[in-house]
Amino acid sequence: MDLKNTTFSGGLIFIIVGNGEEEEEEEIKRYAGENGLNLIVTGWTNTPYSYLKIFDVAVLLSRWEGFGLAIAEYMAAEKNLVATRVDAIPTIVDDGVDGRTRKCRFSSGGG
């Protein structure tokens, strides 16, 4: 996906890299449209790191996460980080030090 020729109103752009459940994706897109949010959903990509380079804030909003490799990648790229407090994430991210963690309302395990 080439973002160079994409135009948006306003300053914030939300990018979801990858894909998930089709029904949830449509709900997220609908919410973004109803609330005037600039949203891009990349779908599956073999080059997720190319998107990481342009992030100001990296967010991992998992309901469950075994290790959280994406978090290690965010930290290595020195990105500001927000993640849900589930499974192994609190052992990786010291809230307020390495990034911010938040409780997940729909978590299957952990905080």
C-alpha atoms as a PDB file:
ATOM      1  CA  MET A   1       0.000   0.000   0.000  1.00  0.00           C
ATOM      2  CA  ASP A   2       1.481   3.345  -1.068  1.00  0.00           C
ATOM      3  CA  LEU A   3       0.603   6.185   1.311  1.00  0.00           C
ATOM      4  CA  LYS A   4       2.471   8.901  -0.604  1.00  0.00           C
ATOM      5  CA  ASN A   5      -0.543   9.925  -2.686  1.00  0.00           C
ATOM      6  CA  THR A   6      -3.138   9.520   0.054  1.00  0.00           C
ATOM      7  CA  THR A   7      -4.804  12.692   1.319  1.00  0.00           C
ATOM      8  CA  PHE A   8      -6.546  13.140   4.637  1.00  0.00           C
ATOM      9  CA  SER A   9      -8.340  15.874   6.489  1.00  0.00           C
ATOM     10  CA  GLY A  10      -7.039  16.687   9.946  1.00  0.00           C
ATOM     11  CA  GLY A  11      -3.742  15.735  11.510  1.00  0.00           C
ATOM     12  CA  LEU A  12      -4.138  12.220  12.904  1.00  0.00           C
ATOM     13  CA  ILE A  13      -3.991   9.097  10.788  1.00  0.00           C
ATOM     14  CA  PHE A  14      -4.723   5.709  12.313  1.00  0.00           C
ATOM     15  CA  ILE A  15      -3.128   2.747  10.552  1.00  0.00           C
ATOM     16  CA  ILE A  16      -4.049  -0.843  11.347  1.00  0.00           C
ATOM     17  CA  VAL A  17      -1.362  -3.118   9.964  1.00  0.00           C
ATOM     18  CA  GLY A  18      -2.581  -6.612   9.176  1.00  0.00           C
ATOM     19  CA  ASN A  19      -6.036  -8.009   9.317  1.00  0.00           C
ATOM     20  CA  GLY A  20      -8.380  -9.719  11.685  1.00  0.00           C
ATOM     21  CA  GLU A  21     -11.958 -10.847  11.732  1.00  0.00           C
ATOM     22  CA  GLU A  22     -13.815  -9.357   8.753  1.00  0.00           C
ATOM     23  CA  GLU A  23     -16.839  -8.433  10.879  1.00  0.00           C
ATOM     24  CA  GLU A  24     -14.675  -6.543  13.398  1.00  0.00           C
ATOM     25  CA  GLU A  25     -12.793  -4.778  10.623  1.00  0.00           C
ATOM     26  CA  GLU A  26     -16.049  -3.514   9.123  1.00  0.00           C
ATOM     27  CA  GLU A  27     -17.210  -2.326  12.550  1.00  0.00           C
ATOM     28  CA  ILE A  28     -13.941  -0.422  13.063  1.00  0.00           C
ATOM     29  CA  LYS A  29     -14.172   1.160   9.608  1.00  0.00           C
ATOM     30  CA  ARG A  30     -17.781   2.152  10.262  1.00  0.00           C
ATOM     31  CA  TYR A  31     -16.819   3.704  13.629  1.00  0.00           C
ATOM     32  CA  ALA A  32     -13.966   5.645  12.002  1.00  0.00           C
ATOM     33  CA  GLY A  33     -16.253   6.959   9.281  1.00  0.00           C
ATOM     34  CA  GLU A  34     -18.986   7.984  11.725  1.00  0.00           C
ATOM     35  CA  ASN A  35     -16.450   9.836  13.877  1.00  0.00           C
ATOM     36  CA  GLY A  36     -14.430  11.521  11.127  1.00  0.00           C
ATOM     37  CA  LEU A  37     -11.266   9.515  11.814  1.00  0.00           C
ATOM     38  CA  ASN A  38      -8.631   9.011   9.126  1.00  0.00           C
ATOM     39  CA  LEU A  39      -8.171   5.231   9.038  1.00  0.00           C
ATOM     40  CA  ILE A  40      -6.140   2.902   6.859  1.00  0.00           C
ATOM     41  CA  VAL A  41      -6.364  -0.877   7.207  1.00  0.00           C
ATOM     42  CA  THR A  42      -3.473  -2.412   5.291  1.00  0.00           C
ATOM     43  CA  GLY A  43      -4.629  -6.004   5.301  1.00  0.00           C
ATOM     44  CA  TRP A  44      -2.000  -8.737   5.322  1.00  0.00           C
ATOM     45  CA  THR A  45       1.490  -7.463   4.510  1.00  0.00           C
ATOM     46  CA  ASN A  46       4.903  -9.070   4.262  1.00  0.00           C
ATOM     47  CA  THR A  47       6.502  -5.722   5.147  1.00  0.00           C
ATOM     48  CA  PRO A  48       4.947  -4.542   8.435  1.00  0.00           C
ATOM     49  CA  TYR A  49       8.204  -2.875   9.473  1.00  0.00           C
ATOM     50  CA  SER A  50       7.861  -0.365   6.636  1.00  0.00           C
ATOM     51  CA  TYR A  51       4.784   1.015   8.428  1.00  0.00           C
ATOM     52  CA  LEU A  52       6.476   1.045  11.818  1.00  0.00           C
ATOM     53  CA  LYS A  53       8.967   3.567  10.481  1.00  0.00           C
ATOM     54  CA  ILE A  54       6.252   6.209  10.047  1.00  0.00           C
ATOM     55  CA  PHE A  55       4.462   5.714  13.392  1.00  0.00           C
ATOM     56  CA  ASP A  56       4.662   8.364  16.102  1.00  0.00           C
ATOM     57  CA  VAL A  57       2.898   6.046  18.539  1.00  0.00           C
ATOM     58  CA  ALA A  58       2.787   2.264  18.195  1.00  0.00           C
ATOM     59  CA  VAL A  59      -0.217   0.522  19.714  1.00  0.00           C
ATOM     60  CA  LEU A  60      -0.810  -3.169  20.392  1.00  0.00           C
ATOM     61  CA  LEU A  61      -4.417  -3.741  21.461  1.00  0.00           C
ATOM     62  CA  SER A  62      -4.418  -7.497  21.812  1.00  0.00           C
ATOM     63  CA  ARG A  63      -6.978  -9.484  23.774  1.00  0.00           C
ATOM     64  CA  TRP A  64      -4.330 -12.173  24.230  1.00  0.00           C
ATOM     65  CA  GLU A  65      -0.638 -12.124  23.384  1.00  0.00           C
ATOM     66  CA  GLY A  66       1.822 -14.921  24.067  1.00  0.00           C
ATOM     67  CA  PHE A  67       5.023 -12.883  23.984  1.00  0.00           C
ATOM     68  CA  GLY A  68       4.348  -9.699  22.057  1.00  0.00           C
ATOM     69  CA  LEU A  69       7.087  -9.680  19.427  1.00  0.00           C
ATOM     70  CA  ALA A  70       5.596  -6.485  18.009  1.00  0.00           C
ATOM     71  CA  ILE A  71       6.329  -4.766  21.337  1.00  0.00           C
ATOM     72  CA  ALA A  72       9.995  -5.733  21.132  1.00  0.00           C
ATOM     73  CA  GLU A  73      10.047  -4.344  17.587  1.00  0.00           C
ATOM     74  CA  TYR A  74       8.394  -1.084  18.735  1.00  0.00           C
ATOM     75  CA  MET A  75      10.955  -0.734  21.515  1.00  0.00           C
ATOM     76  CA  ALA A  76      13.872  -1.472  19.175  1.00  0.00           C
ATOM     77  CA  ALA A  77      12.580   1.255  16.851  1.00  0.00           C
ATOM     78  CA  GLU A  78      12.303   3.616  19.862  1.00  0.00           C
ATOM     79  CA  LYS A  79       8.594   4.241  19.327  1.00  0.00           C
ATOM     80  CA  ASN A  80       6.186   5.566  21.925  1.00  0.00           C
ATOM     81  CA  LEU A  81       4.173   2.540  22.975  1.00  0.00           C
ATOM     82  CA  VAL A  82       0.689   1.754  24.248  1.00  0.00           C
ATOM     83  CA  ALA A  83      -0.375  -1.853  24.845  1.00  0.00           C
ATOM     84  CA  THR A  84      -3.096  -3.791  26.574  1.00  0.00           C
ATOM     85  CA  ARG A  85      -2.222  -5.344  29.918  1.00  0.00           C
ATOM     86  CA  VAL A  86      -2.726  -8.998  28.956  1.00  0.00           C
ATOM     87  CA  ASP A  87      -0.696 -12.188  29.248  1.00  0.00           C
ATOM     88  CA  ALA A  88       3.074 -11.505  28.927  1.00  0.00           C
ATOM     89  CA  ILE A  89       2.815  -7.818  28.005  1.00  0.00           C
ATOM     90  CA  PRO A  90       3.161  -6.459  31.588  1.00  0.00           C
ATOM     91  CA  THR A  91       6.414  -8.404  31.958  1.00  0.00           C
ATOM     92  CA  ILE A  92       7.767  -6.688  28.846  1.00  0.00           C
ATOM     93  CA  VAL A  93       6.376  -3.174  29.303  1.00  0.00           C
ATOM     94  CA  ASP A  94       6.910  -1.403  32.621  1.00  0.00           C
ATOM     95  CA  ASP A  95       3.913   0.969  32.628  1.00  0.00           C
ATOM     96  CA  GLY A  96       5.066   4.573  32.645  1.00  0.00           C
ATOM     97  CA  VAL A  97       8.691   3.619  31.974  1.00  0.00           C
ATOM     98  CA  ASP A  98       8.838   1.673  28.706  1.00  0.00           C
ATOM     99  CA  GLY A  99       5.425   2.775  27.506  1.00  0.00           C
ATOM    100  CA  ARG A 100       1.855   2.757  28.719  1.00  0.00           C
ATOM    101  CA  THR A 101      -0.348  -0.242  29.399  1.00  0.00           C
ATOM    102  CA  ARG A 102      -4.114  -0.288  29.665  1.00  0.00           C
ATOM    103  CA  LYS A 103      -6.608  -2.847  30.869  1.00  0.00           C
ATOM    104  CA  CYS A 104      -8.362  -4.753  28.106  1.00  0.00           C
ATOM    105  CA  ARG A 105     -12.128  -4.914  28.550  1.00  0.00           C
ATOM    106  CA  PHE A 106     -12.408  -8.132  26.555  1.00  0.00           C
ATOM    107  CA  SER A 107      -9.331  -9.991  27.731  1.00  0.00           C
ATOM    108  CA  SER A 108      -9.248 -13.776  27.854  1.00  0.00           C
ATOM    109  CA  GLY A 109      -6.410 -13.742  30.357  1.00  0.00           C
ATOM    110  CA  GLY A 110      -4.011 -11.533  32.247  1.00  0.00           C
ATOM    111  CA  GLY A 111      -4.634  -7.956  33.448  1.00  0.00           C
END
